[in-house]
Amino acid sequence: MLELVSIGILIGRTLMDEYKKIRRTYPQLMVYLLR
């Protein structure tokens, strides 16, 4: 049970990191495409 929780936290953290990266690069992508 505890292992599942730690795995979930790990996955959640990686997803958050990826989400932040995407949010940082997405506006730049939009500007690049709309230019």
C-alpha atoms as a PDB file:
ATOM      1  CA  MET A   1       0.000   0.000   0.000  1.00  0.00           C
ATOM      2  CA  LEU A   2       2.754   2.435   0.973  1.00  0.00           C
ATOM      3  CA  GLU A   3       4.666   1.591  -2.206  1.00  0.00           C
ATOM      4  CA  LEU A   4       1.661   2.535  -4.327  1.00  0.00           C
ATOM      5  CA  VAL A   5       1.412   5.895  -2.590  1.00  0.00           C
ATOM      6  CA  SER A   6       5.094   6.690  -3.134  1.00  0.00           C
ATOM      7  CA  ILE A   7       4.848   5.652  -6.786  1.00  0.00           C
ATOM      8  CA  GLY A   8       1.804   7.889  -7.189  1.00  0.00           C
ATOM      9  CA  ILE A   9       3.650  10.828  -5.644  1.00  0.00           C
ATOM     10  CA  LEU A  10       6.624  10.197  -7.936  1.00  0.00           C
ATOM     11  CA  ILE A  11       4.413  10.116 -11.036  1.00  0.00           C
ATOM     12  CA  GLY A  12       2.562  13.213  -9.870  1.00  0.00           C
ATOM     13  CA  ARG A  13       5.816  15.096  -9.405  1.00  0.00           C
ATOM     14  CA  THR A  14       7.137  14.182 -12.842  1.00  0.00           C
ATOM     15  CA  LEU A  15       3.811  15.170 -14.404  1.00  0.00           C
ATOM     16  CA  MET A  16       3.928  18.539 -12.638  1.00  0.00           C
ATOM     17  CA  ASP A  17       7.483  19.134 -13.875  1.00  0.00           C
ATOM     18  CA  GLU A  18       6.486  18.264 -17.443  1.00  0.00           C
ATOM     19  CA  TYR A  19       3.393  20.473 -17.141  1.00  0.00           C
ATOM     20  CA  LYS A  20       5.505  23.432 -16.005  1.00  0.00           C
ATOM     21  CA  LYS A  21       7.928  22.862 -18.895  1.00  0.00           C
ATOM     22  CA  ILE A  22       5.057  22.712 -21.384  1.00  0.00           C
ATOM     23  CA  ARG A  23       3.439  25.836 -19.926  1.00  0.00           C
ATOM     24  CA  ARG A  24       6.759  27.653 -20.215  1.00  0.00           C
ATOM     25  CA  THR A  25       7.347  26.658 -23.845  1.00  0.00           C
ATOM     26  CA  TYR A  26       3.747  26.774 -25.113  1.00  0.00           C
ATOM     27  CA  PRO A  27       3.411  30.596 -25.279  1.00  0.00           C
ATOM     28  CA  GLN A  28       6.747  30.771 -27.115  1.00  0.00           C
ATOM     29  CA  LEU A  29       5.419  28.189 -29.572  1.00  0.00           C
ATOM     30  CA  MET A  30       2.251  30.220 -30.112  1.00  0.00           C
ATOM     31  CA  VAL A  31       4.245  33.393 -30.728  1.00  0.00           C
ATOM     32  CA  TYR A  32       6.495  31.494 -33.139  1.00  0.00           C
ATOM     33  CA  LEU A  33       3.522  30.104 -35.088  1.00  0.00           C
ATOM     34  CA  LEU A  34       1.571  33.371 -35.184  1.00  0.00           C
ATOM     35  CA  ARG A  35       4.544  35.470 -36.248  1.00  0.00           C
END
